[in-house]
Amino acid sequence: MNRTQYLLRGFFFLLTILLLYYLNNKAGINLKTISKFKLETLNKIQSDSLGSKDKLDVLVRDTTAFNKQIDEDSSHARELISYLIIVVVLFGTSELIFATIKRKTFINND
C-alpha cells in the first residue's frame, strides 16, 4: 500500500510541475506578444502620416483585434488553472483515502 501511495504522490507531483511549467510558458508567450504589439503599434503610429484622429482610429482598431487574441489565449490559461485545481483535489482525496485505510487497519490490528 505504501508503494501505491508513493507512486500516486509522485504522479500528482509530476503532473503539477508539468502544468505549472506549461502555464509559465503561456504567460511568457503572452508577455512577448504584448510587448511586440506595443512596439509595432508605436512604430506604426510614429511612421504614418495620418492625422491624429486617423491615428486614434488605427490604435483603437488594432487594440480591439489584439484584445480578442489575448482573450482567446487567456482561456487556455484558465483551463490550465482548472486542471491544476483538479490535480490538487485528487491528490488531497487520495491522501485522505490512504489515511482512512491506514487508520482502519491500525484499529483492526489492536
PDB file of N, CA and C in Angstrom:
ATOM      1  N   MET A   1       0.812  -1.186   0.000  1.00  0.00           N
ATOM      2  CA  MET A   1       0.000   0.000   0.000  1.00  0.00           C
ATOM      3  C   MET A   1       0.865   1.265   0.000  1.00  0.00           C
ATOM      4  N   ASN A   2       1.968   1.226   0.725  1.00  0.00           N
ATOM      5  CA  ASN A   2       2.856   2.391   0.742  1.00  0.00           C
ATOM      6  C   ASN A   2       3.410   2.673  -0.647  1.00  0.00           C
ATOM      7  N   ARG A   3       3.693   1.603  -1.380  1.00  0.00           N
ATOM      8  CA  ARG A   3       4.242   1.776  -2.729  1.00  0.00           C
ATOM      9  C   ARG A   3       3.225   2.489  -3.629  1.00  0.00           C
ATOM     10  N   THR A   4       1.967   2.088  -3.530  1.00  0.00           N
ATOM     11  CA  THR A   4       0.919   2.735  -4.313  1.00  0.00           C
ATOM     12  C   THR A   4       0.782   4.198  -3.928  1.00  0.00           C
ATOM     13  N   GLN A   5       0.849   4.464  -2.642  1.00  0.00           N
ATOM     14  CA  GLN A   5       0.742   5.843  -2.167  1.00  0.00           C
ATOM     15  C   GLN A   5       1.902   6.689  -2.692  1.00  0.00           C
ATOM     16  N   TYR A   6       3.099   6.157  -2.650  1.00  0.00           N
ATOM     17  CA  TYR A   6       4.259   6.901  -3.148  1.00  0.00           C
ATOM     18  C   TYR A   6       4.193   7.117  -4.658  1.00  0.00           C
ATOM     19  N   LEU A   7       3.689   6.110  -5.378  1.00  0.00           N
ATOM     20  CA  LEU A   7       3.519   6.267  -6.823  1.00  0.00           C
ATOM     21  C   LEU A   7       2.499   7.355  -7.149  1.00  0.00           C
ATOM     22  N   LEU A   8       1.394   7.360  -6.435  1.00  0.00           N
ATOM     23  CA  LEU A   8       0.393   8.399  -6.658  1.00  0.00           C
ATOM     24  C   LEU A   8       0.934   9.786  -6.308  1.00  0.00           C
ATOM     25  N   ARG A   9       1.660   9.877  -5.201  1.00  0.00           N
ATOM     26  CA  ARG A   9       2.261  11.164  -4.833  1.00  0.00           C
ATOM     27  C   ARG A   9       3.213  11.651  -5.920  1.00  0.00           C
ATOM     28  N   GLY A  10       4.042  10.749  -6.407  1.00  0.00           N
ATOM     29  CA  GLY A  10       4.981  11.115  -7.462  1.00  0.00           C
ATOM     30  C   GLY A  10       4.270  11.527  -8.738  1.00  0.00           C
ATOM     31  N   PHE A  11       3.219  10.786  -9.083  1.00  0.00           N
ATOM     32  CA  PHE A  11       2.453  11.109 -10.292  1.00  0.00           C
ATOM     33  C   PHE A  11       1.805  12.487 -10.170  1.00  0.00           C
ATOM     34  N   PHE A  12       1.134  12.753  -9.055  1.00  0.00           N
ATOM     35  CA  PHE A  12       0.479  14.044  -8.872  1.00  0.00           C
ATOM     36  C   PHE A  12       1.505  15.179  -8.806  1.00  0.00           C
ATOM     37  N   PHE A  13       2.630  14.928  -8.181  1.00  0.00           N
ATOM     38  CA  PHE A  13       3.677  15.951  -8.110  1.00  0.00           C
ATOM     39  C   PHE A  13       4.211  16.259  -9.508  1.00  0.00           C
ATOM     40  N   LEU A  14       4.493  15.231 -10.277  1.00  0.00           N
ATOM     41  CA  LEU A  14       4.993  15.427 -11.640  1.00  0.00           C
ATOM     42  C   LEU A  14       3.961  16.140 -12.509  1.00  0.00           C
ATOM     43  N   LEU A  15       2.713  15.747 -12.390  1.00  0.00           N
ATOM     44  CA  LEU A  15       1.650  16.389 -13.155  1.00  0.00           C
ATOM     45  C   LEU A  15       1.503  17.862 -12.770  1.00  0.00           C
ATOM     46  N   THR A  16       1.624  18.158 -11.488  1.00  0.00           N
ATOM     47  CA  THR A  16       1.557  19.548 -11.026  1.00  0.00           C
ATOM     48  C   THR A  16       2.711  20.364 -11.585  1.00  0.00           C
ATOM     49  N   ILE A  17       3.903  19.820 -11.565  1.00  0.00           N
ATOM     50  CA  ILE A  17       5.077  20.529 -12.093  1.00  0.00           C
ATOM     51  C   ILE A  17       4.905  20.787 -13.588  1.00  0.00           C
ATOM     52  N   LEU A  18       4.435  19.785 -14.328  1.00  0.00           N
ATOM     53  CA  LEU A  18       4.227  19.960 -15.769  1.00  0.00           C
ATOM     54  C   LEU A  18       3.177  21.026 -16.073  1.00  0.00           C
ATOM     55  N   LEU A  19       2.082  21.022 -15.317  1.00  0.00           N
ATOM     56  CA  LEU A  19       1.045  22.036 -15.532  1.00  0.00           C
ATOM     57  C   LEU A  19       1.561  23.437 -15.202  1.00  0.00           C
ATOM     58  N   LEU A  20       2.323  23.569 -14.123  1.00  0.00           N
ATOM     59  CA  LEU A  20       2.889  24.873 -13.768  1.00  0.00           C
ATOM     60  C   LEU A  20       3.895  25.344 -14.814  1.00  0.00           C
ATOM     61  N   TYR A  21       4.685  24.433 -15.325  1.00  0.00           N
ATOM     62  CA  TYR A  21       5.651  24.785 -16.370  1.00  0.00           C
ATOM     63  C   TYR A  21       4.935  25.265 -17.629  1.00  0.00           C
ATOM     64  N   TYR A  22       3.902  24.537 -18.028  1.00  0.00           N
ATOM     65  CA  TYR A  22       3.149  24.923 -19.219  1.00  0.00           C
ATOM     66  C   TYR A  22       2.445  26.260 -19.017  1.00  0.00           C
ATOM     67  N   LEU A  23       1.913  26.482 -17.816  1.00  0.00           N
ATOM     68  CA  LEU A  23       1.260  27.750 -17.501  1.00  0.00           C
ATOM     69  C   LEU A  23       2.262  28.898 -17.534  1.00  0.00           C
ATOM     70  N   ASN A  24       3.457  28.661 -17.042  1.00  0.00           N
ATOM     71  CA  ASN A  24       4.508  29.678 -17.077  1.00  0.00           C
ATOM     72  C   ASN A  24       4.896  30.011 -18.513  1.00  0.00           C
ATOM     73  N   ASN A  25       4.995  29.004 -19.365  1.00  0.00           N
ATOM     74  CA  ASN A  25       5.306  29.251 -20.777  1.00  0.00           C
ATOM     75  C   ASN A  25       4.207  30.054 -21.448  1.00  0.00           C
ATOM     76  N   LYS A  26       2.951  29.753 -21.132  1.00  0.00           N
ATOM     77  CA  LYS A  26       1.838  30.507 -21.701  1.00  0.00           C
ATOM     78  C   LYS A  26       1.914  31.974 -21.289  1.00  0.00           C
ATOM     79  N   ALA A  27       2.237  32.221 -20.033  1.00  0.00           N
ATOM     80  CA  ALA A  27       2.339  33.604 -19.556  1.00  0.00           C
ATOM     81  C   ALA A  27       3.493  34.320 -20.246  1.00  0.00           C
ATOM     82  N   GLY A  28       4.606  33.631 -20.457  1.00  0.00           N
ATOM     83  CA  GLY A  28       5.750  34.230 -21.146  1.00  0.00           C
ATOM     84  C   GLY A  28       5.432  34.577 -22.583  1.00  0.00           C
ATOM     85  N   ILE A  29       4.682  33.714 -23.244  1.00  0.00           N
ATOM     86  CA  ILE A  29       4.284  33.977 -24.632  1.00  0.00           C
ATOM     87  C   ILE A  29       3.380  35.195 -24.691  1.00  0.00           C
ATOM     88  N   ASN A  30       2.446  35.302 -23.733  1.00  0.00           N
ATOM     89  CA  ASN A  30       1.551  36.455 -23.713  1.00  0.00           C
ATOM     90  C   ASN A  30       2.315  37.747 -23.467  1.00  0.00           C
ATOM     91  N   LEU A  31       3.304  37.718 -22.594  1.00  0.00           N
ATOM     92  CA  LEU A  31       4.090  38.923 -22.330  1.00  0.00           C
ATOM     93  C   LEU A  31       4.879  39.338 -23.568  1.00  0.00           C
ATOM     94  N   LYS A  32       5.440  38.368 -24.267  1.00  0.00           N
ATOM     95  CA  LYS A  32       6.161  38.680 -25.503  1.00  0.00           C
ATOM     96  C   LYS A  32       5.222  39.268 -26.537  1.00  0.00           C
ATOM     97  N   THR A  33       4.023  38.699 -26.635  1.00  0.00           N
ATOM     98  CA  THR A  33       3.043  39.182 -27.599  1.00  0.00           C
ATOM     99  C   THR A  33       2.616  40.613 -27.279  1.00  0.00           C
ATOM    100  N   ILE A  34       2.410  40.894 -26.003  1.00  0.00           N
ATOM    101  CA  ILE A  34       2.005  42.237 -25.595  1.00  0.00           C
ATOM    102  C   ILE A  34       3.089  43.258 -25.908  1.00  0.00           C
ATOM    103  N   SER A  35       4.323  42.938 -25.556  1.00  0.00           N
ATOM    104  CA  SER A  35       5.400  43.893 -25.818  1.00  0.00           C
ATOM    105  C   SER A  35       5.618  44.081 -27.320  1.00  0.00           C
ATOM    106  N   LYS A  36       5.493  43.023 -28.095  1.00  0.00           N
ATOM    107  CA  LYS A  36       5.625  43.124 -29.551  1.00  0.00           C
ATOM    108  C   LYS A  36       4.512  43.998 -30.120  1.00  0.00           C
ATOM    109  N   PHE A  37       3.288  43.818 -29.633  1.00  0.00           N
ATOM    110  CA  PHE A  37       2.166  44.628 -30.094  1.00  0.00           C
ATOM    111  C   PHE A  37       2.397  46.103 -29.783  1.00  0.00           C
ATOM    112  N   LYS A  38       2.845  46.394 -28.572  1.00  0.00           N
ATOM    113  CA  LYS A  38       3.087  47.793 -28.192  1.00  0.00           C
ATOM    114  C   LYS A  38       4.142  48.429 -29.085  1.00  0.00           C
ATOM    115  N   LEU A  39       5.216  47.718 -29.339  1.00  0.00           N
ATOM    116  CA  LEU A  39       6.287  48.247 -30.172  1.00  0.00           C
ATOM    117  C   LEU A  39       5.819  48.462 -31.613  1.00  0.00           C
ATOM    118  N   GLU A  40       5.112  47.490 -32.167  1.00  0.00           N
ATOM    119  CA  GLU A  40       4.614  47.621 -33.545  1.00  0.00           C
ATOM    120  C   GLU A  40       3.609  48.764 -33.669  1.00  0.00           C
ATOM    121  N   THR A  41       2.738  48.894 -32.688  1.00  0.00           N
ATOM    122  CA  THR A  41       1.745  49.965 -32.725  1.00  0.00           C
ATOM    123  C   THR A  41       2.415  51.329 -32.613  1.00  0.00           C
ATOM    124  N   LEU A  42       3.382  51.452 -31.742  1.00  0.00           N
ATOM    125  CA  LEU A  42       4.109  52.714 -31.593  1.00  0.00           C
ATOM    126  C   LEU A  42       4.828  53.071 -32.888  1.00  0.00           C
ATOM    127  N   ASN A  43       5.486  52.100 -33.495  1.00  0.00           N
ATOM    128  CA  ASN A  43       6.180  52.360 -34.766  1.00  0.00           C
ATOM    129  C   ASN A  43       5.200  52.731 -35.871  1.00  0.00           C
ATOM    130  N   LYS A  44       4.051  52.058 -35.895  1.00  0.00           N
ATOM    131  CA  LYS A  44       3.048  52.346 -36.926  1.00  0.00           C
ATOM    132  C   LYS A  44       2.509  53.767 -36.773  1.00  0.00           C
ATOM    133  N   ILE A  45       2.233  54.153 -35.540  1.00  0.00           N
ATOM    134  CA  ILE A  45       1.683  55.489 -35.300  1.00  0.00           C
ATOM    135  C   ILE A  45       2.722  56.564 -35.604  1.00  0.00           C
ATOM    136  N   GLN A  46       3.971  56.319 -35.245  1.00  0.00           N
ATOM    137  CA  GLN A  46       5.021  57.315 -35.498  1.00  0.00           C
ATOM    138  C   GLN A  46       5.350  57.446 -36.981  1.00  0.00           C
ATOM    139  N   SER A  47       5.295  56.354 -37.713  1.00  0.00           N
ATOM    140  CA  SER A  47       5.708  56.396 -39.112  1.00  0.00           C
ATOM    141  C   SER A  47       4.590  56.814 -40.067  1.00  0.00           C
ATOM    142  N   ASP A  48       3.331  56.634 -39.656  1.00  0.00           N
ATOM    143  CA  ASP A  48       2.218  57.010 -40.534  1.00  0.00           C
ATOM    144  C   ASP A  48       2.087  58.524 -40.615  1.00  0.00           C
ATOM    145  N   SER A  49       1.657  58.979 -41.769  1.00  0.00           N
ATOM    146  CA  SER A  49       1.449  60.417 -41.959  1.00  0.00           C
ATOM    147  C   SER A  49      -0.027  60.763 -41.811  1.00  0.00           C
ATOM    148  N   LEU A  50      -0.717  59.989 -41.001  1.00  0.00           N
ATOM    149  CA  LEU A  50      -2.133  60.221 -40.781  1.00  0.00           C
ATOM    150  C   LEU A  50      -2.336  61.349 -39.775  1.00  0.00           C
ATOM    151  N   GLY A  51      -3.539  61.900 -39.781  1.00  0.00           N
ATOM    152  CA  GLY A  51      -3.883  62.896 -38.773  1.00  0.00           C
ATOM    153  C   GLY A  51      -4.107  62.215 -37.442  1.00  0.00           C
ATOM    154  N   SER A  52      -4.241  63.015 -36.405  1.00  0.00           N
ATOM    155  CA  SER A  52      -4.367  62.448 -35.065  1.00  0.00           C
ATOM    156  C   SER A  52      -5.658  61.643 -34.914  1.00  0.00           C
ATOM    157  N   LYS A  53      -6.744  62.043 -35.564  1.00  0.00           N
ATOM    158  CA  LYS A  53      -7.996  61.269 -35.488  1.00  0.00           C
ATOM    159  C   LYS A  53      -7.820  59.910 -36.167  1.00  0.00           C
ATOM    160  N   ASP A  54      -7.156  59.893 -37.325  1.00  0.00           N
ATOM    161  CA  ASP A  54      -6.923  58.629 -38.025  1.00  0.00           C
ATOM    162  C   ASP A  54      -5.975  57.725 -37.236  1.00  0.00           C
ATOM    163  N   LYS A  55      -4.977  58.325 -36.600  1.00  0.00           N
ATOM    164  CA  LYS A  55      -4.059  57.530 -35.770  1.00  0.00           C
ATOM    165  C   LYS A  55      -4.807  56.899 -34.604  1.00  0.00           C
ATOM    166  N   LEU A  56      -5.726  57.661 -34.036  1.00  0.00           N
ATOM    167  CA  LEU A  56      -6.523  57.125 -32.936  1.00  0.00           C
ATOM    168  C   LEU A  56      -7.400  55.967 -33.418  1.00  0.00           C
ATOM    169  N   ASP A  57      -7.985  56.102 -34.602  1.00  0.00           N
ATOM    170  CA  ASP A  57      -8.798  55.021 -35.167  1.00  0.00           C
ATOM    171  C   ASP A  57      -7.965  53.759 -35.402  1.00  0.00           C
ATOM    172  N   VAL A  58      -6.749  53.930 -35.929  1.00  0.00           N
ATOM    173  CA  VAL A  58      -5.852  52.790 -36.147  1.00  0.00           C
ATOM    174  C   VAL A  58      -5.521  52.128 -34.816  1.00  0.00           C
ATOM    175  N   LEU A  59      -5.242  52.942 -33.813  1.00  0.00           N
ATOM    176  CA  LEU A  59      -4.904  52.412 -32.489  1.00  0.00           C
ATOM    177  C   LEU A  59      -6.076  51.636 -31.893  1.00  0.00           C
ATOM    178  N   VAL A  60      -7.273  52.176 -32.001  1.00  0.00           N
ATOM    179  CA  VAL A  60      -8.457  51.504 -31.454  1.00  0.00           C
ATOM    180  C   VAL A  60      -8.720  50.200 -32.195  1.00  0.00           C
ATOM    181  N   ARG A  61      -8.636  50.213 -33.512  1.00  0.00           N
ATOM    182  CA  ARG A  61      -8.887  49.011 -34.307  1.00  0.00           C
ATOM    183  C   ARG A  61      -7.856  47.923 -33.994  1.00  0.00           C
ATOM    184  N   ASP A  62      -6.573  48.293 -33.935  1.00  0.00           N
ATOM    185  CA  ASP A  62      -5.528  47.309 -33.641  1.00  0.00           C
ATOM    186  C   ASP A  62      -5.646  46.765 -32.225  1.00  0.00           C
ATOM    187  N   THR A  63      -5.976  47.641 -31.286  1.00  0.00           N
ATOM    188  CA  THR A  63      -6.109  47.205 -29.899  1.00  0.00           C
ATOM    189  C   THR A  63      -7.292  46.263 -29.730  1.00  0.00           C
ATOM    190  N   THR A  64      -8.380  46.529 -30.412  1.00  0.00           N
ATOM    191  CA  THR A  64      -9.553  45.651 -30.340  1.00  0.00           C
ATOM    192  C   THR A  64      -9.221  44.263 -30.876  1.00  0.00           C
ATOM    193  N   ALA A  65      -8.529  44.204 -31.995  1.00  0.00           N
ATOM    194  CA  ALA A  65      -8.139  42.909 -32.563  1.00  0.00           C
ATOM    195  C   ALA A  65      -7.172  42.184 -31.633  1.00  0.00           C
ATOM    196  N   PHE A  66      -6.266  42.930 -31.034  1.00  0.00           N
ATOM    197  CA  PHE A  66      -5.296  42.329 -30.128  1.00  0.00           C
ATOM    198  C   PHE A  66      -5.979  41.803 -28.864  1.00  0.00           C
ATOM    199  N   ASN A  67      -6.948  42.536 -28.343  1.00  0.00           N
ATOM    200  CA  ASN A  67      -7.667  42.086 -27.146  1.00  0.00           C
ATOM    201  C   ASN A  67      -8.402  40.779 -27.392  1.00  0.00           C
ATOM    202  N   LYS A  68      -8.954  40.607 -28.585  1.00  0.00           N
ATOM    203  CA  LYS A  68      -9.624  39.349 -28.916  1.00  0.00           C
ATOM    204  C   LYS A  68      -8.630  38.187 -28.878  1.00  0.00           C
ATOM    205  N   GLN A  69      -7.419  38.421 -29.390  1.00  0.00           N
ATOM    206  CA  GLN A  69      -6.391  37.382 -29.391  1.00  0.00           C
ATOM    207  C   GLN A  69      -5.968  37.044 -27.965  1.00  0.00           C
ATOM    208  N   ILE A  70      -5.777  38.049 -27.123  1.00  0.00           N
ATOM    209  CA  ILE A  70      -5.385  37.812 -25.734  1.00  0.00           C
ATOM    210  C   ILE A  70      -6.486  37.074 -24.981  1.00  0.00           C
ATOM    211  N   ASP A  71      -7.755  37.424 -25.242  1.00  0.00           N
ATOM    212  CA  ASP A  71      -8.864  36.718 -24.591  1.00  0.00           C
ATOM    213  C   ASP A  71      -8.875  35.243 -24.953  1.00  0.00           C
ATOM    214  N   GLU A  72      -8.586  34.931 -26.208  1.00  0.00           N
ATOM    215  CA  GLU A  72      -8.528  33.528 -26.624  1.00  0.00           C
ATOM    216  C   GLU A  72      -7.384  32.807 -25.916  1.00  0.00           C
ATOM    217  N   ASP A  73      -6.240  33.471 -25.795  1.00  0.00           N
ATOM    218  CA  ASP A  73      -5.096  32.855 -25.125  1.00  0.00           C
ATOM    219  C   ASP A  73      -5.340  32.701 -23.628  1.00  0.00           C
ATOM    220  N   SER A  74      -6.036  33.657 -23.017  1.00  0.00           N
ATOM    221  CA  SER A  74      -6.260  33.581 -21.578  1.00  0.00           C
ATOM    222  C   SER A  74      -7.229  32.461 -21.224  1.00  0.00           C
ATOM    223  N   SER A  75      -8.087  32.067 -22.166  1.00  0.00           N
ATOM    224  CA  SER A  75      -8.982  30.943 -21.875  1.00  0.00           C
ATOM    225  C   SER A  75      -8.175  29.659 -21.675  1.00  0.00           C
ATOM    226  N   HIS A  76      -7.052  29.519 -22.380  1.00  0.00           N
ATOM    227  CA  HIS A  76      -6.184  28.356 -22.191  1.00  0.00           C
ATOM    228  C   HIS A  76      -5.551  28.389 -20.804  1.00  0.00           C
ATOM    229  N   ALA A  77      -5.186  29.576 -20.349  1.00  0.00           N
ATOM    230  CA  ALA A  77      -4.600  29.691 -19.017  1.00  0.00           C
ATOM    231  C   ALA A  77      -5.633  29.345 -17.949  1.00  0.00           C
ATOM    232  N   ARG A  78      -6.869  29.795 -18.120  1.00  0.00           N
ATOM    233  CA  ARG A  78      -7.925  29.437 -17.169  1.00  0.00           C
ATOM    234  C   ARG A  78      -8.151  27.933 -17.149  1.00  0.00           C
ATOM    235  N   GLU A  79      -8.094  27.329 -18.318  1.00  0.00           N
ATOM    236  CA  GLU A  79      -8.267  25.881 -18.427  1.00  0.00           C
ATOM    237  C   GLU A  79      -7.142  25.154 -17.678  1.00  0.00           C
ATOM    238  N   LEU A  80      -5.915  25.640 -17.831  1.00  0.00           N
ATOM    239  CA  LEU A  80      -4.785  25.030 -17.123  1.00  0.00           C
ATOM    240  C   LEU A  80      -4.934  25.175 -15.617  1.00  0.00           C
ATOM    241  N   ILE A  81      -5.410  26.316 -15.165  1.00  0.00           N
ATOM    242  CA  ILE A  81      -5.603  26.520 -13.733  1.00  0.00           C
ATOM    243  C   ILE A  81      -6.678  25.575 -13.206  1.00  0.00           C
ATOM    244  N   SER A  82      -7.729  25.359 -13.969  1.00  0.00           N
ATOM    245  CA  SER A  82      -8.753  24.414 -13.519  1.00  0.00           C
ATOM    246  C   SER A  82      -8.195  22.991 -13.459  1.00  0.00           C
ATOM    247  N   TYR A  83      -7.356  22.610 -14.421  1.00  0.00           N
ATOM    248  CA  TYR A  83      -6.702  21.301 -14.365  1.00  0.00           C
ATOM    249  C   TYR A  83      -5.810  21.186 -13.138  1.00  0.00           C
ATOM    250  N   LEU A  84      -5.118  22.263 -12.821  1.00  0.00           N
ATOM    251  CA  LEU A  84      -4.244  22.257 -11.647  1.00  0.00           C
ATOM    252  C   LEU A  84      -5.055  22.088 -10.369  1.00  0.00           C
ATOM    253  N   ILE A  85      -6.199  22.738 -10.293  1.00  0.00           N
ATOM    254  CA  ILE A  85      -7.069  22.588  -9.123  1.00  0.00           C
ATOM    255  C   ILE A  85      -7.574  21.151  -9.023  1.00  0.00           C
ATOM    256  N   ILE A  86      -7.935  20.562 -10.153  1.00  0.00           N
ATOM    257  CA  ILE A  86      -8.401  19.171 -10.159  1.00  0.00           C
ATOM    258  C   ILE A  86      -7.312  18.230  -9.659  1.00  0.00           C
ATOM    259  N   VAL A  87      -6.075  18.450 -10.090  1.00  0.00           N
ATOM    260  CA  VAL A  87      -4.961  17.605  -9.649  1.00  0.00           C
ATOM    261  C   VAL A  87      -4.762  17.724  -8.144  1.00  0.00           C
ATOM    262  N   VAL A  88      -4.830  18.941  -7.626  1.00  0.00           N
ATOM    263  CA  VAL A  88      -4.643  19.142  -6.184  1.00  0.00           C
ATOM    264  C   VAL A  88      -5.780  18.484  -5.398  1.00  0.00           C
ATOM    265  N   VAL A  89      -7.011  18.598  -5.890  1.00  0.00           N
ATOM    266  CA  VAL A  89      -8.146  17.956  -5.215  1.00  0.00           C
ATOM    267  C   VAL A  89      -7.995  16.433  -5.251  1.00  0.00           C
ATOM    268  N   LEU A  90      -7.592  15.883  -6.384  1.00  0.00           N
ATOM    269  CA  LEU A  90      -7.381  14.437  -6.465  1.00  0.00           C
ATOM    270  C   LEU A  90      -6.270  13.971  -5.528  1.00  0.00           C
ATOM    271  N   PHE A  91      -5.215  14.762  -5.437  1.00  0.00           N
ATOM    272  CA  PHE A  91      -4.125  14.427  -4.523  1.00  0.00           C
ATOM    273  C   PHE A  91      -4.625  14.419  -3.080  1.00  0.00           C
ATOM    274  N   GLY A  92      -5.366  15.453  -2.705  1.00  0.00           N
ATOM    275  CA  GLY A  92      -5.909  15.509  -1.345  1.00  0.00           C
ATOM    276  C   GLY A  92      -6.850  14.361  -1.058  1.00  0.00           C
ATOM    277  N   THR A  93      -7.674  14.029  -2.034  1.00  0.00           N
ATOM    278  CA  THR A  93      -8.610  12.911  -1.869  1.00  0.00           C
ATOM    279  C   THR A  93      -7.874  11.589  -1.698  1.00  0.00           C
ATOM    280  N   SER A  94      -6.837  11.381  -2.499  1.00  0.00           N
ATOM    281  CA  SER A  94      -6.082  10.125  -2.372  1.00  0.00           C
ATOM    282  C   SER A  94      -5.381  10.043  -1.017  1.00  0.00           C
ATOM    283  N   GLU A  95      -4.867  11.171  -0.546  1.00  0.00           N
ATOM    284  CA  GLU A  95      -4.224  11.174   0.777  1.00  0.00           C
ATOM    285  C   GLU A  95      -5.236  10.867   1.878  1.00  0.00           C
ATOM    286  N   LEU A  96      -6.428  11.413   1.763  1.00  0.00           N
ATOM    287  CA  LEU A  96      -7.468  11.109   2.755  1.00  0.00           C
ATOM    288  C   LEU A  96      -7.870   9.638   2.718  1.00  0.00           C
ATOM    289  N   ILE A  97      -7.976   9.096   1.534  1.00  0.00           N
ATOM    290  CA  ILE A  97      -8.325   7.674   1.397  1.00  0.00           C
ATOM    291  C   ILE A  97      -7.249   6.799   2.027  1.00  0.00           C
ATOM    292  N   PHE A  98      -5.985   7.100   1.740  1.00  0.00           N
ATOM    293  CA  PHE A  98      -4.912   6.301   2.323  1.00  0.00           C
ATOM    294  C   PHE A  98      -4.847   6.467   3.838  1.00  0.00           C
ATOM    295  N   ALA A  99      -5.099   7.669   4.338  1.00  0.00           N
ATOM    296  CA  ALA A  99      -5.103   7.880   5.786  1.00  0.00           C
ATOM    297  C   ALA A  99      -6.233   7.101   6.448  1.00  0.00           C
ATOM    298  N   THR A 100      -7.390   7.065   5.791  1.00  0.00           N
ATOM    299  CA  THR A 100      -8.524   6.311   6.326  1.00  0.00           C
ATOM    300  C   THR A 100      -8.225   4.821   6.328  1.00  0.00           C
ATOM    301  N   ILE A 101      -7.643   4.323   5.262  1.00  0.00           N
ATOM    302  CA  ILE A 101      -7.297   2.891   5.184  1.00  0.00           C
ATOM    303  C   ILE A 101      -6.272   2.536   6.259  1.00  0.00           C
ATOM    304  N   LYS A 102      -5.257   3.374   6.434  1.00  0.00           N
ATOM    305  CA  LYS A 102      -4.242   3.097   7.463  1.00  0.00           C
ATOM    306  C   LYS A 102      -4.857   3.110   8.858  1.00  0.00           C
ATOM    307  N   ARG A 103      -5.778   4.048   9.081  1.00  0.00           N
ATOM    308  CA  ARG A 103      -6.409   4.148  10.392  1.00  0.00           C
ATOM    309  C   ARG A 103      -7.249   2.902  10.674  1.00  0.00           C
ATOM    310  N   LYS A 104      -7.995   2.452   9.643  1.00  0.00           N
ATOM    311  CA  LYS A 104      -8.821   1.261   9.828  1.00  0.00           C
ATOM    312  C   LYS A 104      -7.975   0.024  10.080  1.00  0.00           C
ATOM    313  N   THR A 105      -6.871  -0.109   9.354  1.00  0.00           N
ATOM    314  CA  THR A 105      -6.007  -1.275   9.569  1.00  0.00           C
ATOM    315  C   THR A 105      -5.324  -1.177  10.926  1.00  0.00           C
ATOM    316  N   PHE A 106      -5.010   0.026  11.392  1.00  0.00           N
ATOM    317  CA  PHE A 106      -4.391   0.202  12.712  1.00  0.00           C
ATOM    318  C   PHE A 106      -5.385  -0.150  13.814  1.00  0.00           C
ATOM    319  N   ILE A 107      -6.645   0.255  13.631  1.00  0.00           N
ATOM    320  CA  ILE A 107      -7.670  -0.049  14.634  1.00  0.00           C
ATOM    321  C   ILE A 107      -7.967  -1.544  14.651  1.00  0.00           C
ATOM    322  N   ASN A 108      -8.003  -2.173  13.461  1.00  0.00           N
ATOM    323  CA  ASN A 108      -8.294  -3.600  13.393  1.00  0.00           C
ATOM    324  C   ASN A 108      -7.170  -4.448  13.967  1.00  0.00           C
ATOM    325  N   ASN A 109      -5.917  -3.951  13.907  1.00  0.00           N
ATOM    326  CA  ASN A 109      -4.801  -4.703  14.443  1.00  0.00           C
ATOM    327  C   ASN A 109      -4.743  -4.659  15.963  1.00  0.00           C
ATOM    328  N   ASP A 110      -5.390  -3.664  16.557  1.00  0.00           N
ATOM    329  CA  ASP A 110      -5.379  -3.570  18.032  1.00  0.00           C
ATOM    330  C   ASP A 110      -6.360  -4.493  18.607  1.00  0.00           C
TER     331      ASP A 110
END
